[in-house]
N, C-alpha and C. Protein backbone atom coordinates (compact mmCIF):
# COMPACT_ATOMS: atom_id res chain seq x y z
N UNK A 1 5.92 -10.82 3.36
CA UNK A 1 5.00 -11.74 2.76
C UNK A 1 5.75 -12.64 1.79
N UNK A 2 5.73 -13.94 1.97
CA UNK A 2 6.50 -14.86 1.13
C UNK A 2 5.71 -15.19 -0.12
N UNK A 3 6.28 -15.01 -1.31
CA UNK A 3 5.57 -15.32 -2.54
C UNK A 3 5.19 -16.78 -2.58
N UNK A 4 4.02 -17.09 -3.12
CA UNK A 4 3.60 -18.47 -3.28
C UNK A 4 3.61 -18.85 -4.75
N UNK A 5 2.97 -19.97 -5.06
CA UNK A 5 2.85 -20.41 -6.44
C UNK A 5 1.76 -19.60 -7.10
N UNK A 6 2.09 -18.82 -8.09
CA UNK A 6 1.14 -17.90 -8.72
C UNK A 6 0.16 -18.66 -9.60
N UNK A 7 -1.13 -18.43 -9.40
CA UNK A 7 -2.14 -19.01 -10.27
C UNK A 7 -2.32 -18.14 -11.50
N UNK A 8 -2.55 -16.85 -11.27
CA UNK A 8 -2.74 -15.93 -12.37
C UNK A 8 -2.45 -14.53 -11.90
N UNK A 9 -1.82 -13.75 -12.72
CA UNK A 9 -1.53 -12.36 -12.37
C UNK A 9 -2.45 -11.47 -13.16
N UNK A 10 -3.11 -10.53 -12.47
CA UNK A 10 -4.08 -9.66 -13.12
C UNK A 10 -3.70 -8.23 -12.83
N UNK A 11 -3.28 -7.47 -13.85
CA UNK A 11 -3.00 -6.05 -13.68
C UNK A 11 -4.29 -5.31 -13.98
N UNK A 12 -5.01 -4.91 -12.95
CA UNK A 12 -6.35 -4.38 -13.13
C UNK A 12 -6.33 -2.99 -13.75
N UNK A 13 -5.56 -2.04 -13.12
CA UNK A 13 -5.49 -0.67 -13.60
C UNK A 13 -6.87 -0.12 -13.94
N UNK A 14 -7.81 -0.32 -13.01
CA UNK A 14 -9.13 0.25 -13.17
C UNK A 14 -10.09 -0.62 -13.95
N UNK A 15 -9.65 -1.79 -14.40
CA UNK A 15 -10.53 -2.68 -15.14
C UNK A 15 -10.74 -3.92 -14.29
N UNK A 16 -12.01 -4.34 -14.13
CA UNK A 16 -12.30 -5.51 -13.31
C UNK A 16 -11.60 -6.72 -13.90
N UNK A 17 -10.83 -7.43 -13.07
CA UNK A 17 -10.04 -8.52 -13.60
C UNK A 17 -10.49 -9.88 -13.15
N UNK A 18 -11.50 -9.94 -12.29
CA UNK A 18 -11.86 -11.22 -11.72
C UNK A 18 -12.39 -12.19 -12.76
N UNK A 19 -13.03 -11.70 -13.81
CA UNK A 19 -13.59 -12.57 -14.82
C UNK A 19 -12.50 -13.38 -15.51
N UNK A 20 -11.26 -12.88 -15.45
CA UNK A 20 -10.17 -13.59 -16.11
C UNK A 20 -9.89 -14.94 -15.49
N UNK A 21 -10.39 -15.14 -14.27
CA UNK A 21 -10.18 -16.43 -13.62
C UNK A 21 -11.04 -17.52 -14.24
N UNK A 22 -12.08 -17.12 -14.98
CA UNK A 22 -12.92 -18.10 -15.63
C UNK A 22 -13.92 -18.72 -14.68
N UNK A 23 -14.54 -19.81 -15.12
CA UNK A 23 -15.57 -20.47 -14.33
C UNK A 23 -14.97 -21.17 -13.14
N UNK A 24 -15.75 -21.34 -12.06
CA UNK A 24 -15.24 -22.05 -10.88
C UNK A 24 -14.83 -23.47 -11.25
N UNK A 25 -13.83 -23.97 -10.58
CA UNK A 25 -13.41 -25.36 -10.78
C UNK A 25 -13.00 -25.92 -9.44
N UNK A 26 -12.60 -27.20 -9.45
CA UNK A 26 -12.15 -27.83 -8.23
C UNK A 26 -10.79 -27.30 -7.80
N UNK A 27 -10.10 -26.58 -8.67
CA UNK A 27 -8.71 -26.23 -8.42
C UNK A 27 -8.47 -24.74 -8.24
N UNK A 28 -9.47 -23.91 -8.45
CA UNK A 28 -9.31 -22.47 -8.30
C UNK A 28 -10.48 -21.90 -7.51
N UNK A 29 -10.26 -20.82 -6.77
CA UNK A 29 -11.36 -20.19 -6.05
C UNK A 29 -12.40 -19.64 -7.02
N UNK A 30 -13.65 -19.65 -6.61
CA UNK A 30 -14.72 -19.12 -7.43
C UNK A 30 -14.53 -17.61 -7.63
N UNK A 31 -14.90 -17.08 -8.78
CA UNK A 31 -14.72 -15.64 -9.03
C UNK A 31 -15.35 -14.76 -7.97
N UNK A 32 -16.51 -15.16 -7.44
CA UNK A 32 -17.15 -14.32 -6.42
C UNK A 32 -16.32 -14.25 -5.14
N UNK A 33 -15.56 -15.30 -4.87
CA UNK A 33 -14.66 -15.27 -3.72
C UNK A 33 -13.54 -14.26 -3.95
N UNK A 34 -13.03 -14.24 -5.18
CA UNK A 34 -11.97 -13.29 -5.52
C UNK A 34 -12.51 -11.86 -5.45
N UNK A 35 -13.72 -11.67 -5.99
CA UNK A 35 -14.36 -10.35 -5.92
C UNK A 35 -14.44 -9.86 -4.47
N UNK A 36 -14.87 -10.74 -3.58
CA UNK A 36 -15.01 -10.37 -2.17
C UNK A 36 -13.66 -10.01 -1.56
N UNK A 37 -12.62 -10.75 -1.94
CA UNK A 37 -11.29 -10.46 -1.42
C UNK A 37 -10.79 -9.10 -1.90
N UNK A 38 -11.04 -8.77 -3.17
CA UNK A 38 -10.64 -7.47 -3.71
C UNK A 38 -11.36 -6.35 -2.96
N UNK A 39 -12.65 -6.52 -2.75
CA UNK A 39 -13.43 -5.51 -2.02
C UNK A 39 -12.89 -5.33 -0.61
N UNK A 40 -12.55 -6.45 0.05
CA UNK A 40 -12.01 -6.38 1.40
C UNK A 40 -10.68 -5.63 1.43
N UNK A 41 -9.83 -5.88 0.43
CA UNK A 41 -8.54 -5.19 0.36
C UNK A 41 -8.73 -3.69 0.16
N UNK A 42 -9.61 -3.33 -0.75
CA UNK A 42 -9.87 -1.90 -0.99
C UNK A 42 -10.40 -1.23 0.28
N UNK A 43 -11.33 -1.89 0.95
CA UNK A 43 -11.92 -1.31 2.16
C UNK A 43 -10.88 -1.13 3.25
N UNK A 44 -10.01 -2.13 3.43
CA UNK A 44 -8.96 -2.03 4.45
C UNK A 44 -8.00 -0.90 4.13
N UNK A 45 -7.65 -0.73 2.85
CA UNK A 45 -6.75 0.36 2.45
C UNK A 45 -7.41 1.71 2.70
N UNK A 46 -8.70 1.81 2.41
CA UNK A 46 -9.42 3.06 2.69
C UNK A 46 -9.40 3.38 4.18
N UNK A 47 -9.64 2.36 4.99
CA UNK A 47 -9.65 2.55 6.44
C UNK A 47 -8.28 2.95 6.95
N UNK A 48 -7.24 2.29 6.45
CA UNK A 48 -5.88 2.63 6.87
C UNK A 48 -5.52 4.04 6.45
N UNK A 49 -5.87 4.42 5.23
CA UNK A 49 -5.56 5.77 4.76
C UNK A 49 -6.25 6.83 5.61
N UNK A 50 -7.52 6.62 5.92
CA UNK A 50 -8.24 7.58 6.77
C UNK A 50 -7.61 7.67 8.15
N UNK A 51 -7.27 6.52 8.72
CA UNK A 51 -6.68 6.51 10.06
C UNK A 51 -5.35 7.23 10.11
N UNK A 52 -4.50 6.98 9.12
CA UNK A 52 -3.19 7.62 9.09
C UNK A 52 -3.31 9.13 8.85
N UNK A 53 -4.15 9.52 7.90
CA UNK A 53 -4.29 10.94 7.58
C UNK A 53 -4.91 11.71 8.74
N UNK A 54 -5.86 11.11 9.43
CA UNK A 54 -6.47 11.77 10.59
C UNK A 54 -5.44 11.97 11.69
N UNK A 55 -4.66 10.93 11.97
CA UNK A 55 -3.63 11.03 13.01
C UNK A 55 -2.57 12.07 12.63
N UNK A 56 -2.18 12.09 11.36
CA UNK A 56 -1.18 13.07 10.91
C UNK A 56 -1.71 14.49 11.00
N UNK A 57 -2.96 14.70 10.57
CA UNK A 57 -3.54 16.05 10.61
C UNK A 57 -3.64 16.56 12.04
N UNK A 58 -4.05 15.70 12.95
CA UNK A 58 -4.15 16.10 14.36
C UNK A 58 -2.78 16.43 14.93
N UNK A 59 -1.78 15.62 14.58
CA UNK A 59 -0.43 15.86 15.09
C UNK A 59 0.15 17.14 14.50
N UNK A 60 -0.08 17.38 13.21
CA UNK A 60 0.42 18.60 12.59
C UNK A 60 -0.21 19.82 13.24
N UNK A 61 -1.51 19.76 13.52
CA UNK A 61 -2.21 20.90 14.11
C UNK A 61 -1.74 21.20 15.53
N UNK A 62 -1.42 20.16 16.27
CA UNK A 62 -1.06 20.35 17.67
C UNK A 62 0.44 20.50 17.90
N UNK A 63 1.26 19.83 17.07
CA UNK A 63 2.70 19.79 17.34
C UNK A 63 3.58 20.09 16.14
N UNK A 64 2.98 20.40 14.97
CA UNK A 64 3.77 20.69 13.80
C UNK A 64 4.39 19.45 13.18
N UNK A 65 5.33 19.64 12.26
CA UNK A 65 5.96 18.50 11.57
C UNK A 65 6.61 17.49 12.50
N UNK A 66 7.17 17.97 13.60
CA UNK A 66 7.78 17.03 14.54
C UNK A 66 6.76 16.06 15.10
N UNK A 67 5.56 16.58 15.41
CA UNK A 67 4.51 15.70 15.89
C UNK A 67 4.06 14.73 14.84
N UNK A 68 3.99 15.19 13.58
CA UNK A 68 3.59 14.30 12.49
C UNK A 68 4.60 13.17 12.32
N UNK A 69 5.87 13.50 12.41
CA UNK A 69 6.89 12.44 12.30
C UNK A 69 6.79 11.46 13.45
N UNK A 70 6.38 11.96 14.62
CA UNK A 70 6.17 11.07 15.75
C UNK A 70 5.06 10.08 15.48
N UNK A 71 3.99 10.55 14.81
CA UNK A 71 2.89 9.64 14.45
C UNK A 71 3.41 8.55 13.52
N UNK A 72 4.16 8.96 12.50
CA UNK A 72 4.70 7.97 11.56
C UNK A 72 5.61 6.97 12.27
N UNK A 73 6.38 7.47 13.22
CA UNK A 73 7.37 6.62 13.88
C UNK A 73 6.78 5.70 14.94
N UNK A 74 5.75 6.18 15.64
CA UNK A 74 5.25 5.40 16.79
C UNK A 74 3.82 4.90 16.64
N UNK A 75 3.00 5.60 15.86
CA UNK A 75 1.59 5.23 15.79
C UNK A 75 1.18 4.52 14.51
N UNK A 76 1.90 4.74 13.43
CA UNK A 76 1.49 4.18 12.14
C UNK A 76 1.43 2.66 12.19
N UNK A 77 2.41 2.03 12.81
CA UNK A 77 2.43 0.57 12.89
C UNK A 77 1.23 0.06 13.67
N UNK A 78 0.88 0.73 14.78
CA UNK A 78 -0.26 0.28 15.56
C UNK A 78 -1.57 0.45 14.80
N UNK A 79 -1.70 1.57 14.09
CA UNK A 79 -2.90 1.78 13.27
C UNK A 79 -3.01 0.68 12.22
N UNK A 80 -1.89 0.37 11.57
CA UNK A 80 -1.87 -0.66 10.54
C UNK A 80 -2.21 -2.03 11.12
N UNK A 81 -1.65 -2.34 12.28
CA UNK A 81 -1.92 -3.62 12.94
C UNK A 81 -3.39 -3.74 13.31
N UNK A 82 -3.98 -2.67 13.80
CA UNK A 82 -5.40 -2.68 14.18
C UNK A 82 -6.29 -2.91 12.96
N UNK A 83 -5.98 -2.23 11.86
CA UNK A 83 -6.79 -2.41 10.65
C UNK A 83 -6.69 -3.85 10.16
N UNK A 84 -5.49 -4.40 10.16
CA UNK A 84 -5.29 -5.78 9.71
C UNK A 84 -6.11 -6.75 10.56
N UNK A 85 -6.05 -6.57 11.87
CA UNK A 85 -6.77 -7.47 12.78
C UNK A 85 -8.28 -7.35 12.60
N UNK A 86 -8.77 -6.13 12.47
CA UNK A 86 -10.21 -5.92 12.34
C UNK A 86 -10.75 -6.45 11.02
N UNK A 87 -9.93 -6.40 9.97
CA UNK A 87 -10.37 -6.85 8.65
C UNK A 87 -10.00 -8.30 8.35
N UNK A 88 -9.27 -8.95 9.25
CA UNK A 88 -8.84 -10.35 9.07
C UNK A 88 -8.02 -10.54 7.78
N UNK A 89 -7.08 -9.63 7.58
CA UNK A 89 -6.16 -9.71 6.44
C UNK A 89 -4.87 -9.01 6.83
N UNK A 90 -3.94 -8.95 5.90
CA UNK A 90 -2.66 -8.29 6.16
C UNK A 90 -2.56 -7.07 5.27
N UNK A 91 -2.61 -5.87 5.85
CA UNK A 91 -2.54 -4.62 5.11
C UNK A 91 -1.27 -3.88 5.50
N UNK A 92 -0.68 -3.17 4.56
CA UNK A 92 0.51 -2.40 4.87
C UNK A 92 0.81 -1.42 3.77
N UNK A 93 2.00 -0.83 3.83
CA UNK A 93 2.47 0.11 2.81
C UNK A 93 3.87 -0.27 2.38
N UNK A 94 4.18 0.04 1.14
CA UNK A 94 5.51 -0.21 0.63
C UNK A 94 5.85 0.88 -0.39
N UNK A 95 7.07 0.90 -0.88
CA UNK A 95 7.50 1.93 -1.83
C UNK A 95 8.80 1.50 -2.49
N UNK A 96 9.10 2.15 -3.60
CA UNK A 96 10.39 1.93 -4.23
C UNK A 96 11.50 2.59 -3.43
N UNK A 97 11.18 3.72 -2.79
CA UNK A 97 12.12 4.42 -1.91
C UNK A 97 11.48 4.51 -0.53
N UNK A 98 11.94 3.67 0.38
CA UNK A 98 11.27 3.54 1.67
C UNK A 98 11.93 4.41 2.73
N UNK A 99 11.14 4.76 3.71
CA UNK A 99 11.65 5.45 4.89
C UNK A 99 12.02 4.42 5.95
N UNK A 100 11.16 3.44 6.14
CA UNK A 100 11.39 2.36 7.09
C UNK A 100 11.81 1.12 6.30
N UNK A 101 13.02 0.61 6.49
CA UNK A 101 13.48 -0.55 5.72
C UNK A 101 12.56 -1.76 5.82
N UNK A 102 11.80 -1.88 6.90
CA UNK A 102 10.91 -3.03 7.05
C UNK A 102 9.74 -2.99 6.07
N UNK A 103 9.54 -1.84 5.41
CA UNK A 103 8.45 -1.71 4.43
C UNK A 103 8.93 -1.94 3.00
N UNK A 104 10.14 -2.42 2.83
CA UNK A 104 10.67 -2.63 1.48
C UNK A 104 9.80 -3.63 0.71
N UNK A 105 9.60 -3.43 -0.59
CA UNK A 105 8.74 -4.31 -1.37
C UNK A 105 9.39 -5.64 -1.68
N UNK A 106 8.55 -6.66 -1.85
CA UNK A 106 9.07 -7.91 -2.40
C UNK A 106 9.06 -7.79 -3.93
N UNK A 107 9.43 -8.85 -4.62
CA UNK A 107 9.60 -8.77 -6.08
C UNK A 107 8.30 -8.40 -6.78
N UNK A 108 7.19 -9.03 -6.38
CA UNK A 108 5.91 -8.72 -7.03
C UNK A 108 5.48 -7.29 -6.77
N UNK A 109 5.62 -6.83 -5.52
CA UNK A 109 5.25 -5.46 -5.19
C UNK A 109 6.11 -4.46 -5.95
N UNK A 110 7.39 -4.75 -6.09
CA UNK A 110 8.27 -3.85 -6.83
C UNK A 110 7.81 -3.73 -8.29
N UNK A 111 7.45 -4.85 -8.90
CA UNK A 111 6.98 -4.80 -10.28
C UNK A 111 5.73 -3.93 -10.41
N UNK A 112 4.82 -4.05 -9.44
CA UNK A 112 3.58 -3.26 -9.51
C UNK A 112 3.88 -1.78 -9.30
N UNK A 113 4.80 -1.46 -8.40
CA UNK A 113 5.18 -0.07 -8.19
C UNK A 113 5.78 0.55 -9.45
N UNK A 114 6.62 -0.20 -10.13
CA UNK A 114 7.20 0.29 -11.39
C UNK A 114 6.10 0.54 -12.41
N UNK A 115 5.12 -0.36 -12.47
CA UNK A 115 4.00 -0.18 -13.40
C UNK A 115 3.16 1.03 -13.04
N UNK A 116 2.92 1.23 -11.74
CA UNK A 116 2.17 2.41 -11.31
C UNK A 116 2.90 3.70 -11.69
N UNK A 117 4.21 3.72 -11.45
CA UNK A 117 5.00 4.91 -11.77
C UNK A 117 4.92 5.22 -13.26
N UNK A 118 4.98 4.19 -14.08
CA UNK A 118 4.90 4.37 -15.53
C UNK A 118 3.53 4.90 -15.93
N UNK A 119 2.48 4.34 -15.34
CA UNK A 119 1.12 4.77 -15.67
C UNK A 119 0.90 6.23 -15.28
N UNK A 120 1.36 6.60 -14.09
CA UNK A 120 1.18 7.98 -13.63
C UNK A 120 1.98 8.96 -14.48
N UNK A 121 3.19 8.57 -14.86
CA UNK A 121 4.03 9.47 -15.65
C UNK A 121 3.48 9.65 -17.06
N UNK A 122 2.67 8.69 -17.51
CA UNK A 122 2.06 8.81 -18.84
C UNK A 122 0.73 9.56 -18.80
N UNK A 123 0.35 10.02 -17.61
CA UNK A 123 -0.85 10.83 -17.50
C UNK A 123 -2.07 10.13 -16.94
N UNK A 124 -1.94 8.84 -16.61
CA UNK A 124 -3.08 8.13 -16.02
C UNK A 124 -3.35 8.68 -14.63
N UNK A 125 -4.62 8.92 -14.28
CA UNK A 125 -4.93 9.36 -12.92
C UNK A 125 -4.74 8.21 -11.94
N UNK A 126 -4.37 8.54 -10.71
CA UNK A 126 -4.16 7.50 -9.70
C UNK A 126 -5.45 6.80 -9.34
N UNK A 127 -6.56 7.54 -9.36
CA UNK A 127 -7.84 6.94 -9.01
C UNK A 127 -8.17 5.80 -9.97
N UNK A 128 -8.47 4.65 -9.41
CA UNK A 128 -8.82 3.49 -10.21
C UNK A 128 -7.67 2.56 -10.52
N UNK A 129 -6.44 2.99 -10.28
CA UNK A 129 -5.30 2.11 -10.52
C UNK A 129 -5.18 1.10 -9.39
N UNK A 130 -5.02 -0.14 -9.75
CA UNK A 130 -4.75 -1.19 -8.76
C UNK A 130 -4.20 -2.40 -9.51
N UNK A 131 -3.65 -3.33 -8.76
CA UNK A 131 -3.14 -4.56 -9.35
C UNK A 131 -3.33 -5.68 -8.35
N UNK A 132 -3.64 -6.87 -8.86
CA UNK A 132 -3.80 -7.99 -7.94
C UNK A 132 -3.58 -9.31 -8.66
N UNK A 133 -3.33 -10.33 -7.87
CA UNK A 133 -3.20 -11.68 -8.41
C UNK A 133 -3.69 -12.65 -7.35
N UNK A 134 -4.07 -13.84 -7.79
CA UNK A 134 -4.48 -14.92 -6.90
C UNK A 134 -3.38 -15.97 -6.94
N UNK A 135 -2.99 -16.45 -5.77
CA UNK A 135 -1.92 -17.44 -5.70
C UNK A 135 -2.19 -18.42 -4.58
N UNK A 136 -1.50 -19.54 -4.67
CA UNK A 136 -1.60 -20.57 -3.64
C UNK A 136 -0.30 -20.58 -2.85
N UNK A 137 -0.41 -20.51 -1.51
CA UNK A 137 0.76 -20.50 -0.65
C UNK A 137 0.43 -21.21 0.65
N UNK A 138 1.34 -22.03 1.12
CA UNK A 138 1.15 -22.76 2.38
C UNK A 138 -0.15 -23.55 2.38
N UNK A 139 -0.51 -24.11 1.22
CA UNK A 139 -1.68 -24.97 1.14
C UNK A 139 -3.01 -24.24 1.09
N UNK A 140 -3.00 -22.91 0.92
CA UNK A 140 -4.25 -22.16 0.89
C UNK A 140 -4.19 -21.11 -0.21
N UNK A 141 -5.37 -20.62 -0.61
CA UNK A 141 -5.45 -19.57 -1.62
C UNK A 141 -5.47 -18.20 -0.96
N UNK A 142 -4.88 -17.24 -1.65
CA UNK A 142 -4.88 -15.87 -1.15
C UNK A 142 -4.82 -14.88 -2.31
N UNK A 143 -5.26 -13.67 -2.04
CA UNK A 143 -5.18 -12.58 -2.99
C UNK A 143 -4.04 -11.66 -2.60
N UNK A 144 -3.19 -11.31 -3.56
CA UNK A 144 -2.19 -10.25 -3.38
C UNK A 144 -2.74 -9.03 -4.11
N UNK A 145 -2.82 -7.90 -3.43
CA UNK A 145 -3.46 -6.70 -3.99
C UNK A 145 -2.63 -5.47 -3.64
N UNK A 146 -2.62 -4.48 -4.53
CA UNK A 146 -1.93 -3.24 -4.25
C UNK A 146 -2.53 -2.10 -5.06
N UNK A 147 -2.42 -0.88 -4.53
CA UNK A 147 -2.83 0.31 -5.28
C UNK A 147 -1.89 1.46 -4.90
N UNK A 148 -1.70 2.42 -5.80
CA UNK A 148 -0.69 3.45 -5.57
C UNK A 148 -1.10 4.49 -4.53
N UNK A 149 -0.09 5.07 -3.90
CA UNK A 149 -0.23 6.23 -3.02
C UNK A 149 0.55 7.36 -3.67
N UNK A 150 -0.11 8.49 -3.93
CA UNK A 150 0.60 9.65 -4.47
C UNK A 150 0.80 10.67 -3.36
N UNK A 151 1.82 11.47 -3.50
CA UNK A 151 2.16 12.43 -2.45
C UNK A 151 1.09 13.52 -2.35
N UNK A 152 0.57 13.70 -1.13
CA UNK A 152 -0.42 14.72 -0.84
C UNK A 152 0.28 15.96 -0.27
N UNK A 153 -0.34 17.15 -0.41
CA UNK A 153 0.30 18.37 0.09
C UNK A 153 0.72 18.29 1.55
N UNK A 154 -0.11 17.68 2.41
CA UNK A 154 0.23 17.62 3.82
C UNK A 154 1.50 16.81 4.07
N UNK A 155 1.77 15.86 3.18
CA UNK A 155 2.92 14.97 3.38
C UNK A 155 4.21 15.53 2.79
N UNK A 156 4.09 16.63 2.01
CA UNK A 156 5.28 17.18 1.36
C UNK A 156 6.28 17.75 2.35
N UNK A 157 5.81 18.15 3.54
CA UNK A 157 6.72 18.71 4.54
C UNK A 157 7.83 17.73 4.90
N UNK A 158 7.49 16.45 4.92
CA UNK A 158 8.47 15.43 5.33
C UNK A 158 8.93 14.54 4.18
N UNK A 159 8.25 14.63 3.03
CA UNK A 159 8.61 13.78 1.90
C UNK A 159 8.92 14.56 0.63
N UNK A 160 8.72 15.89 0.64
CA UNK A 160 8.88 16.68 -0.56
C UNK A 160 10.32 17.05 -0.88
N UNK A 161 10.45 17.97 -1.80
CA UNK A 161 11.79 18.38 -2.24
C UNK A 161 12.39 19.46 -1.35
N UNK A 162 11.55 20.24 -0.70
CA UNK A 162 12.03 21.34 0.15
C UNK A 162 11.84 20.98 1.62
N UNK A 163 12.73 20.18 2.14
CA UNK A 163 12.69 19.75 3.54
C UNK A 163 13.47 20.75 4.38
N UNK A 164 12.81 21.30 5.40
CA UNK A 164 13.49 22.23 6.28
C UNK A 164 14.60 21.55 7.06
N UNK A 165 15.59 22.33 7.50
CA UNK A 165 16.74 21.75 8.21
C UNK A 165 16.31 21.09 9.52
N UNK A 166 15.31 21.69 10.21
CA UNK A 166 14.86 21.10 11.47
C UNK A 166 14.19 19.75 11.23
N UNK A 167 13.38 19.68 10.16
CA UNK A 167 12.74 18.41 9.81
C UNK A 167 13.80 17.41 9.37
N UNK A 168 14.77 17.86 8.60
CA UNK A 168 15.83 16.97 8.14
C UNK A 168 16.62 16.36 9.28
N UNK A 169 16.85 17.14 10.32
CA UNK A 169 17.59 16.63 11.48
C UNK A 169 16.79 15.53 12.19
N UNK A 170 15.47 15.76 12.34
CA UNK A 170 14.64 14.75 13.00
C UNK A 170 14.60 13.48 12.17
N UNK A 171 14.43 13.64 10.85
CA UNK A 171 14.40 12.46 9.98
C UNK A 171 15.69 11.67 10.06
N UNK A 172 16.82 12.37 10.09
CA UNK A 172 18.11 11.69 10.17
C UNK A 172 18.25 10.90 11.46
N UNK A 173 17.69 11.44 12.54
CA UNK A 173 17.80 10.74 13.82
C UNK A 173 16.86 9.54 13.89
N UNK A 174 15.67 9.67 13.29
CA UNK A 174 14.69 8.58 13.36
C UNK A 174 14.93 7.53 12.29
N UNK A 175 15.37 7.97 11.11
CA UNK A 175 15.52 7.07 9.97
C UNK A 175 16.87 7.32 9.29
N UNK A 176 17.93 6.78 9.81
CA UNK A 176 19.27 7.03 9.25
C UNK A 176 19.40 6.60 7.79
N UNK A 177 18.60 5.62 7.36
CA UNK A 177 18.68 5.12 5.98
C UNK A 177 17.54 5.63 5.12
N UNK A 178 16.95 6.75 5.50
CA UNK A 178 15.78 7.29 4.80
C UNK A 178 16.05 7.53 3.32
N UNK A 179 15.13 7.03 2.47
CA UNK A 179 15.19 7.27 1.02
C UNK A 179 13.97 8.06 0.54
N UNK A 180 13.03 8.36 1.44
CA UNK A 180 11.70 8.82 1.04
C UNK A 180 11.54 10.33 1.07
N UNK A 181 12.45 11.04 0.42
CA UNK A 181 12.32 12.48 0.26
C UNK A 181 12.54 12.83 -1.21
N UNK A 182 12.25 14.10 -1.57
CA UNK A 182 12.46 14.55 -2.92
C UNK A 182 11.29 14.32 -3.86
N UNK A 183 10.11 14.02 -3.29
CA UNK A 183 8.93 13.77 -4.12
C UNK A 183 8.19 15.08 -4.42
N UNK A 184 7.51 15.10 -5.56
CA UNK A 184 6.63 16.20 -5.91
C UNK A 184 5.19 15.80 -5.62
N UNK A 185 4.35 16.78 -5.31
CA UNK A 185 2.93 16.51 -5.06
C UNK A 185 2.32 15.85 -6.29
N UNK A 186 1.60 14.75 -6.06
CA UNK A 186 1.00 13.99 -7.15
C UNK A 186 1.87 12.88 -7.69
N UNK A 187 3.14 12.86 -7.30
CA UNK A 187 4.06 11.80 -7.74
C UNK A 187 3.82 10.54 -6.93
N UNK A 188 4.15 9.40 -7.52
CA UNK A 188 4.02 8.14 -6.80
C UNK A 188 4.90 8.15 -5.56
N UNK A 189 4.30 8.00 -4.41
CA UNK A 189 5.05 7.92 -3.15
C UNK A 189 5.26 6.47 -2.75
N UNK A 190 4.27 5.63 -3.01
CA UNK A 190 4.36 4.23 -2.62
C UNK A 190 3.06 3.53 -2.97
N UNK A 191 2.70 2.55 -2.16
CA UNK A 191 1.47 1.80 -2.43
C UNK A 191 0.97 1.15 -1.16
N UNK A 192 -0.34 1.02 -1.08
CA UNK A 192 -0.95 0.13 -0.10
C UNK A 192 -0.83 -1.27 -0.66
N UNK A 193 -0.58 -2.23 0.20
CA UNK A 193 -0.46 -3.61 -0.24
C UNK A 193 -1.17 -4.51 0.76
N UNK A 194 -1.89 -5.50 0.26
CA UNK A 194 -2.67 -6.37 1.13
C UNK A 194 -2.58 -7.82 0.68
N UNK A 195 -2.65 -8.69 1.64
CA UNK A 195 -2.78 -10.13 1.40
C UNK A 195 -4.05 -10.59 2.09
N UNK A 196 -4.96 -11.17 1.30
CA UNK A 196 -6.29 -11.53 1.80
C UNK A 196 -6.50 -13.03 1.63
N UNK A 197 -6.79 -13.77 2.70
CA UNK A 197 -7.12 -15.19 2.55
C UNK A 197 -8.40 -15.35 1.74
N UNK A 198 -8.43 -16.36 0.87
CA UNK A 198 -9.62 -16.65 0.08
C UNK A 198 -10.17 -17.99 0.52
N UNK A 199 -11.37 -18.01 1.13
CA UNK A 199 -11.97 -19.29 1.53
C UNK A 199 -12.19 -20.17 0.31
N UNK A 200 -12.02 -21.44 0.48
CA UNK A 200 -12.22 -22.39 -0.62
C UNK A 200 -13.06 -23.56 -0.10
N UNK A 201 -14.23 -23.72 -0.71
CA UNK A 201 -15.07 -24.85 -0.27
C UNK A 201 -15.84 -25.40 -1.44
């Protein structure tokens, strides 16, 4: 996602930030449009999370960790693409330490991830944390949105500190540049990130 000209950056962290845009004008999207874009981003992230976790749970039950890694390697992109198409936006995942290099964060996403990590380490619960900004890019308005992903118990098998040798061998073969291990349950693993077009009329 190519950064555009930033209109305003809003670090929500559980506090509604749309009012900071002020009253509608000829030059900025109306606050209700921004509200709708934020809701759309949250909904798409919820849908993506459910889809990925369901696929992982089914694979773990039928094929163990190897099957789960297969889901991440072959099915996660398709699930993400389907959610993006159905929601008419761009949804994905990123992290400070990525497994797939194509998911590396851009500068804005990296800043938000650092902020999330700081908030979590200071005791803030992950629930309610999010960050977003409205910007103009390629002649149109859009919302950039993100919220943290913390490591869940089911994911510790492939992302935790105690990786079995068999799992490690599969990871090395699938992801030679893997950085996404050594996490503790509840620690920041990454973030959902979305770009949502904002209609302007």
